[in-house]
């Protein structure tokens, strides 16, 4: 799996209007791993699905809990600091957090074992589900639908980027 291609997809999708706020809402609401969700969208658009989402979660758990989450918490803590040196530090921490997220994607790329997926939304739907998060099926479906619309991904066609 090409980690550079995955990262480019992630940056492009996350940068589309409305995607970041939806992803961050899900992250705050139910501790969803935004990187994992975007990785699932990437796999689906490539006609692939992970053999085991749980194995992928296990592969990145320590990195996420020991590196990404503490960086995120530090960045959030610094958000309300009203002196410029703290805001400069916050910017550096934010850059480190993004670098750590990129490393998480590299770990995902190394750990993933794929199987063919006829439905490009199957991996994201499998990850964003009531079995993983404290959300109803209708809430999961609505979030997935909103994300697809913002990302301009078609849930119907293989390689479903909408022009």
Protein backbone atom coordinates (compact mmCIF):
# COMPACT_ATOMS: atom_id res chain seq x y z
CA UNK A 1 0.00 0.00 0.00
CA UNK A 2 1.41 3.38 -1.02
CA UNK A 3 1.53 5.59 2.09
CA UNK A 4 2.17 8.74 0.03
CA UNK A 5 -0.97 8.11 -2.03
CA UNK A 6 -3.01 7.45 1.12
CA UNK A 7 -1.74 10.67 2.71
CA UNK A 8 -2.52 12.69 -0.43
CA UNK A 9 -6.07 11.26 -0.44
CA UNK A 10 -6.48 12.06 3.26
CA UNK A 11 -5.29 15.64 2.92
CA UNK A 12 -7.51 16.19 -0.13
CA UNK A 13 -10.62 14.70 1.48
CA UNK A 14 -10.10 16.36 4.87
CA UNK A 15 -9.65 19.70 3.13
CA UNK A 16 -12.97 19.56 1.32
CA UNK A 17 -15.69 21.86 2.62
CA UNK A 18 -17.48 20.44 5.61
CA UNK A 19 -15.36 17.31 6.05
CA UNK A 20 -13.13 18.49 8.90
CA UNK A 21 -15.99 19.71 11.11
CA UNK A 22 -17.91 16.45 10.61
CA UNK A 23 -14.85 14.33 11.34
CA UNK A 24 -13.94 16.36 14.42
CA UNK A 25 -17.52 16.15 15.70
CA UNK A 26 -17.37 12.35 15.42
CA UNK A 27 -13.94 12.34 17.08
CA UNK A 28 -15.24 14.39 20.01
CA UNK A 29 -18.55 12.60 20.27
CA UNK A 30 -17.39 9.01 20.23
CA UNK A 31 -13.58 8.93 20.09
CA UNK A 32 -13.59 7.99 16.42
CA UNK A 33 -10.13 7.82 14.85
CA UNK A 34 -10.40 10.26 11.93
CA UNK A 35 -7.28 8.79 10.33
CA UNK A 36 -8.83 5.32 10.42
CA UNK A 37 -12.10 6.58 8.93
CA UNK A 38 -10.32 8.34 6.06
CA UNK A 39 -8.21 5.23 5.50
CA UNK A 40 -11.43 3.21 5.20
CA UNK A 41 -12.73 5.67 2.59
CA UNK A 42 -9.44 5.36 0.71
CA UNK A 43 -9.58 1.57 0.67
CA UNK A 44 -13.18 1.59 -0.53
CA UNK A 45 -12.37 3.96 -3.37
CA UNK A 46 -9.65 1.50 -4.42
CA UNK A 47 -12.13 -1.38 -4.42
CA UNK A 48 -10.58 -2.87 -1.28
CA UNK A 49 -11.60 -3.50 2.32
CA UNK A 50 -9.50 -4.49 5.29
CA UNK A 51 -9.61 -8.13 6.24
CA UNK A 52 -9.88 -7.00 9.88
CA UNK A 53 -10.62 -3.50 11.15
CA UNK A 54 -9.86 -4.73 14.67
CA UNK A 55 -6.37 -5.79 13.59
CA UNK A 56 -5.79 -2.31 12.18
CA UNK A 57 -7.06 -0.70 15.38
CA UNK A 58 -4.66 -2.87 17.36
CA UNK A 59 -1.77 -1.99 15.03
CA UNK A 60 -2.12 1.75 15.74
CA UNK A 61 -3.60 1.78 19.25
CA UNK A 62 -0.36 2.40 21.16
CA UNK A 63 0.80 5.06 18.70
CA UNK A 64 -2.54 6.80 18.85
CA UNK A 65 -2.85 6.65 22.64
CA UNK A 66 0.78 7.42 23.50
CA UNK A 67 1.61 9.99 20.81
CA UNK A 68 -1.36 11.44 18.91
CA UNK A 69 -3.81 11.87 21.77
CA UNK A 70 -1.29 13.56 24.11
CA UNK A 71 -0.24 15.95 21.31
CA UNK A 72 -3.90 16.73 20.60
CA UNK A 73 -4.59 17.35 24.29
CA UNK A 74 -1.57 19.65 24.54
CA UNK A 75 -2.65 21.60 21.45
CA UNK A 76 -6.15 21.99 22.86
CA UNK A 77 -4.81 23.12 26.23
CA UNK A 78 -2.70 25.79 24.53
CA UNK A 79 -5.65 27.07 22.50
CA UNK A 80 -6.77 29.36 25.32
CA UNK A 81 -3.32 30.63 26.27
CA UNK A 82 -3.31 34.35 25.59
CA UNK A 83 0.39 34.99 25.10
CA UNK A 84 2.19 34.78 21.76
CA UNK A 85 4.92 32.35 22.81
CA UNK A 86 2.25 29.81 23.82
CA UNK A 87 0.53 30.26 20.45
CA UNK A 88 3.84 29.68 18.65
CA UNK A 89 4.26 26.51 20.67
CA UNK A 90 0.68 25.52 19.83
CA UNK A 91 1.52 25.84 16.13
CA UNK A 92 4.55 23.59 16.56
CA UNK A 93 2.50 21.04 18.50
CA UNK A 94 -0.16 21.11 15.76
CA UNK A 95 2.52 20.39 13.14
CA UNK A 96 3.82 17.53 15.29
CA UNK A 97 0.29 16.17 15.67
CA UNK A 98 -0.16 16.17 11.88
CA UNK A 99 3.23 14.44 11.48
CA UNK A 100 2.15 11.82 14.04
CA UNK A 101 -1.09 11.26 12.14
CA UNK A 102 0.89 10.73 8.97
CA UNK A 103 2.99 8.11 10.76
CA UNK A 104 -0.24 6.44 11.89
CA UNK A 105 -1.24 6.16 8.25
CA UNK A 106 2.12 4.59 7.44
CA UNK A 107 1.45 2.06 10.20
CA UNK A 108 -1.98 1.37 8.72
CA UNK A 109 -0.48 0.88 5.27
CA UNK A 110 2.03 -1.63 6.65
CA UNK A 111 -0.54 -3.51 8.72
CA UNK A 112 -3.47 -3.73 6.31
CA UNK A 113 -4.42 -6.99 4.65
CA UNK A 114 -7.05 -6.30 2.02
CA UNK A 115 -9.85 -8.21 0.39
CA UNK A 116 -11.85 -7.09 -2.64
CA UNK A 117 -14.85 -4.88 -1.89
CA UNK A 118 -17.64 -4.50 -4.42
CA UNK A 119 -19.15 -1.61 -2.46
CA UNK A 120 -16.82 1.42 -2.18
CA UNK A 121 -18.51 2.48 1.06
CA UNK A 122 -18.26 -0.94 2.75
CA UNK A 123 -15.04 -0.24 4.69
CA UNK A 124 -16.21 3.17 6.00
CA UNK A 125 -19.64 1.73 6.82
CA UNK A 126 -18.05 -1.19 8.68
CA UNK A 127 -15.87 1.17 10.72
CA UNK A 128 -18.52 3.82 11.40
CA UNK A 129 -21.00 1.46 13.01
CA UNK A 130 -22.92 1.03 16.26
CA UNK A 131 -20.77 -2.01 17.06
CA UNK A 132 -17.75 0.33 17.45
CA UNK A 133 -19.26 3.61 18.60
CA UNK A 134 -22.09 4.76 20.83
CA UNK A 135 -24.27 5.80 17.92
CA UNK A 136 -27.45 4.36 16.46
CA UNK A 137 -27.41 2.84 12.99
CA UNK A 138 -29.39 5.81 11.67
CA UNK A 139 -26.82 8.22 13.17
CA UNK A 140 -23.99 6.27 11.57
CA UNK A 141 -25.78 6.19 8.22
CA UNK A 142 -26.48 9.93 8.37
CA UNK A 143 -22.85 10.73 9.22
CA UNK A 144 -21.64 8.52 6.37
CA UNK A 145 -24.07 10.16 3.96
CA UNK A 146 -22.96 13.66 5.03
CA UNK A 147 -19.30 12.74 4.68
CA UNK A 148 -19.84 11.26 1.22
CA UNK A 149 -21.62 14.41 0.11
CA UNK A 150 -18.88 16.69 1.46
CA UNK A 151 -16.10 14.51 0.04
CA UNK A 152 -17.97 14.25 -3.25
CA UNK A 153 -17.74 10.49 -3.15
CA UNK A 154 -20.39 8.46 -4.83
CA UNK A 155 -21.59 5.54 -2.76
CA UNK A 156 -22.60 3.79 -5.97
CA UNK A 157 -19.68 3.68 -8.40
CA UNK A 158 -16.34 1.92 -8.03
CA UNK A 159 -13.61 4.53 -7.76
CA UNK A 160 -16.49 6.85 -6.98
CA UNK A 161 -15.03 10.35 -6.96
CA UNK A 162 -17.63 12.71 -8.35
CA UNK A 163 -16.10 15.21 -10.75
